[in-house]
N, C-alpha and C. Protein backbone atom coordinates (compact mmCIF):
# COMPACT_ATOMS: atom_id res chain seq x y z
N MET A 1 71.93 95.40 -82.97
CA MET A 1 70.51 95.19 -82.74
C MET A 1 69.91 96.39 -82.01
N LEU A 2 70.63 96.94 -81.03
CA LEU A 2 70.12 98.11 -80.32
C LEU A 2 70.04 99.33 -81.22
N LEU A 3 70.94 99.42 -82.21
CA LEU A 3 70.88 100.54 -83.14
C LEU A 3 69.62 100.47 -83.99
N GLU A 4 69.24 99.25 -84.36
CA GLU A 4 68.04 99.07 -85.17
C GLU A 4 66.76 99.23 -84.34
N ASN A 5 66.82 98.83 -83.07
CA ASN A 5 65.64 98.88 -82.22
C ASN A 5 66.06 99.32 -80.82
N PRO A 6 66.09 100.64 -80.58
CA PRO A 6 66.53 101.15 -79.28
C PRO A 6 65.69 100.67 -78.10
N ASP A 7 64.49 100.19 -78.35
CA ASP A 7 63.61 99.72 -77.29
C ASP A 7 63.79 98.23 -77.00
N ALA A 8 64.74 97.61 -77.66
CA ALA A 8 64.95 96.17 -77.49
C ALA A 8 65.34 95.85 -76.05
N ASP A 9 64.93 94.70 -75.61
CA ASP A 9 65.24 94.22 -74.27
C ASP A 9 66.67 93.67 -74.26
N ILE A 10 67.53 94.29 -73.48
CA ILE A 10 68.94 93.89 -73.44
C ILE A 10 69.08 92.45 -72.96
N LYS A 11 68.30 92.05 -71.97
CA LYS A 11 68.38 90.66 -71.48
C LYS A 11 68.04 89.69 -72.61
N GLN A 12 67.06 90.03 -73.41
CA GLN A 12 66.68 89.17 -74.53
C GLN A 12 67.83 89.08 -75.54
N ILE A 13 68.50 90.18 -75.79
CA ILE A 13 69.63 90.19 -76.71
C ILE A 13 70.76 89.32 -76.17
N ILE A 14 71.06 89.46 -74.88
CA ILE A 14 72.11 88.66 -74.25
C ILE A 14 71.76 87.18 -74.32
N ASP A 15 70.53 86.83 -74.00
CA ASP A 15 70.09 85.43 -74.04
C ASP A 15 70.18 84.88 -75.47
N SER A 16 69.82 85.69 -76.44
CA SER A 16 69.88 85.27 -77.83
C SER A 16 71.33 85.01 -78.26
N ARG A 17 72.22 85.89 -77.86
CA ARG A 17 73.65 85.72 -78.18
C ARG A 17 74.21 84.48 -77.49
N LYS A 18 73.84 84.28 -76.25
CA LYS A 18 74.32 83.10 -75.51
C LYS A 18 73.82 81.82 -76.16
N SER A 19 72.56 81.81 -76.54
CA SER A 19 71.97 80.64 -77.20
C SER A 19 72.69 80.35 -78.52
N SER A 20 72.98 81.40 -79.26
CA SER A 20 73.70 81.24 -80.52
C SER A 20 75.10 80.68 -80.29
N ALA A 21 75.79 81.18 -79.29
CA ALA A 21 77.14 80.70 -78.97
C ALA A 21 77.09 79.24 -78.55
N MET A 22 76.11 78.86 -77.75
CA MET A 22 75.99 77.48 -77.31
C MET A 22 75.70 76.55 -78.48
N SER A 23 74.90 77.02 -79.42
CA SER A 23 74.62 76.23 -80.61
C SER A 23 75.91 76.01 -81.42
N LYS A 24 76.72 77.05 -81.52
CA LYS A 24 78.01 76.92 -82.21
C LYS A 24 78.91 75.93 -81.49
N LEU A 25 78.92 75.97 -80.15
CA LEU A 25 79.73 75.02 -79.38
C LEU A 25 79.25 73.59 -79.63
N ASP A 26 77.93 73.39 -79.73
CA ASP A 26 77.39 72.06 -80.06
C ASP A 26 77.93 71.58 -81.40
N LYS A 27 77.91 72.46 -82.39
CA LYS A 27 78.37 72.10 -83.73
C LYS A 27 79.87 71.79 -83.73
N ILE A 28 80.64 72.62 -83.05
CA ILE A 28 82.09 72.40 -82.98
C ILE A 28 82.38 71.06 -82.31
N GLU A 29 81.70 70.80 -81.21
CA GLU A 29 81.91 69.54 -80.48
C GLU A 29 81.54 68.35 -81.34
N SER A 30 80.46 68.46 -82.08
CA SER A 30 80.01 67.37 -82.95
C SER A 30 81.07 67.07 -84.02
N VAL A 31 81.58 68.10 -84.64
CA VAL A 31 82.61 67.92 -85.68
C VAL A 31 83.87 67.32 -85.07
N ARG A 32 84.28 67.82 -83.91
CA ARG A 32 85.47 67.28 -83.25
C ARG A 32 85.28 65.80 -82.93
N ASN A 33 84.10 65.41 -82.47
CA ASN A 33 83.83 64.00 -82.18
C ASN A 33 83.88 63.15 -83.44
N GLN A 34 83.30 63.65 -84.52
CA GLN A 34 83.29 62.92 -85.79
C GLN A 34 84.71 62.71 -86.32
N GLN A 35 85.58 63.65 -86.04
CA GLN A 35 86.96 63.57 -86.53
C GLN A 35 87.91 62.99 -85.48
N ASN A 36 87.34 62.41 -84.43
CA ASN A 36 88.11 61.78 -83.35
C ASN A 36 89.11 62.73 -82.69
N HIS A 37 88.74 63.99 -82.58
CA HIS A 37 89.55 64.97 -81.85
C HIS A 37 89.05 65.02 -80.42
N PRO A 38 89.89 65.45 -79.49
CA PRO A 38 89.43 65.55 -78.10
C PRO A 38 88.34 66.62 -77.96
N SER A 39 87.57 66.49 -76.92
CA SER A 39 86.52 67.47 -76.65
C SER A 39 87.12 68.85 -76.40
N LEU A 40 86.30 69.86 -76.61
CA LEU A 40 86.72 71.22 -76.31
C LEU A 40 87.04 71.33 -74.82
N SER A 41 87.97 72.20 -74.51
CA SER A 41 88.27 72.49 -73.11
C SER A 41 88.34 74.00 -72.94
N GLU A 42 88.30 74.44 -71.72
CA GLU A 42 88.38 75.87 -71.44
C GLU A 42 89.68 76.46 -71.98
N ALA A 43 90.74 75.66 -71.99
CA ALA A 43 92.04 76.13 -72.49
C ALA A 43 92.01 76.43 -73.99
N ASP A 44 91.03 75.89 -74.70
CA ASP A 44 90.90 76.15 -76.14
C ASP A 44 90.32 77.54 -76.43
N ILE A 45 89.84 78.22 -75.41
CA ILE A 45 89.12 79.48 -75.59
C ILE A 45 89.88 80.60 -74.89
N SER A 46 90.06 81.71 -75.60
CA SER A 46 90.83 82.81 -75.02
C SER A 46 89.97 83.96 -74.50
N HIS A 47 88.78 84.15 -75.04
CA HIS A 47 87.92 85.27 -74.66
C HIS A 47 87.13 84.92 -73.40
N GLN A 48 87.19 85.75 -72.38
CA GLN A 48 86.58 85.43 -71.09
C GLN A 48 85.07 85.24 -71.18
N THR A 49 84.39 86.06 -71.94
CA THR A 49 82.93 85.92 -72.06
C THR A 49 82.59 84.57 -72.70
N VAL A 50 83.34 84.19 -73.70
CA VAL A 50 83.10 82.90 -74.35
C VAL A 50 83.44 81.76 -73.39
N LYS A 51 84.48 81.94 -72.57
CA LYS A 51 84.80 80.93 -71.55
C LYS A 51 83.63 80.74 -70.59
N ASP A 52 83.03 81.85 -70.17
CA ASP A 52 81.89 81.77 -69.26
C ASP A 52 80.73 81.01 -69.91
N ILE A 53 80.47 81.31 -71.17
CA ILE A 53 79.40 80.61 -71.90
C ILE A 53 79.78 79.14 -72.07
N PHE A 54 81.06 78.87 -72.37
CA PHE A 54 81.53 77.50 -72.51
C PHE A 54 81.29 76.70 -71.22
N ASN A 55 81.63 77.30 -70.09
CA ASN A 55 81.46 76.60 -68.81
C ASN A 55 79.99 76.30 -68.53
N GLU A 56 79.11 77.22 -68.88
CA GLU A 56 77.67 76.98 -68.73
C GLU A 56 77.22 75.88 -69.68
N TRP A 57 77.72 75.92 -70.91
CA TRP A 57 77.40 74.90 -71.91
C TRP A 57 77.89 73.52 -71.43
N LYS A 58 79.11 73.47 -70.94
CA LYS A 58 79.70 72.21 -70.47
C LYS A 58 78.88 71.65 -69.31
N ALA A 59 78.43 72.51 -68.41
CA ALA A 59 77.61 72.07 -67.28
C ALA A 59 76.29 71.47 -67.78
N GLN A 60 75.72 72.04 -68.82
CA GLN A 60 74.48 71.50 -69.39
C GLN A 60 74.74 70.15 -70.03
N ILE A 61 75.88 70.01 -70.70
CA ILE A 61 76.23 68.73 -71.33
C ILE A 61 76.38 67.66 -70.26
N ILE A 62 77.03 67.98 -69.17
CA ILE A 62 77.23 67.02 -68.09
C ILE A 62 75.89 66.62 -67.49
N ASP A 63 74.99 67.60 -67.30
CA ASP A 63 73.66 67.30 -66.76
C ASP A 63 72.89 66.35 -67.68
N VAL A 64 73.00 66.56 -68.98
CA VAL A 64 72.30 65.72 -69.95
C VAL A 64 72.89 64.31 -69.94
N ASP A 65 74.22 64.20 -69.83
CA ASP A 65 74.88 62.90 -69.82
C ASP A 65 74.50 62.08 -68.60
N VAL A 66 74.22 62.73 -67.48
CA VAL A 66 73.88 62.05 -66.25
C VAL A 66 72.51 61.37 -66.38
N TYR A 67 71.58 62.01 -67.08
CA TYR A 67 70.23 61.46 -67.21
C TYR A 67 70.16 60.60 -68.39
C-alpha cells in the first residue's frame, strides 16, 4: 500500500490490517463453533503480531459477552 501511495497514513494502514485480521478471527471462530470445535486460543497462533491482535480481539469478545 505504501508503494502505491507513499503519502498514506501508516496508522490508518495498521488499523485497516488489524480490522481485517479481527474479521478473519470472527469468521474462523464462527466456523469452529458451527463444527463444534473448541474456541481459538493463543496457543493456536504462532506469529506474535497475530497473537497480539488475537488478545485484543478476545478482550472485545469478552466485553460483548458481558453486556
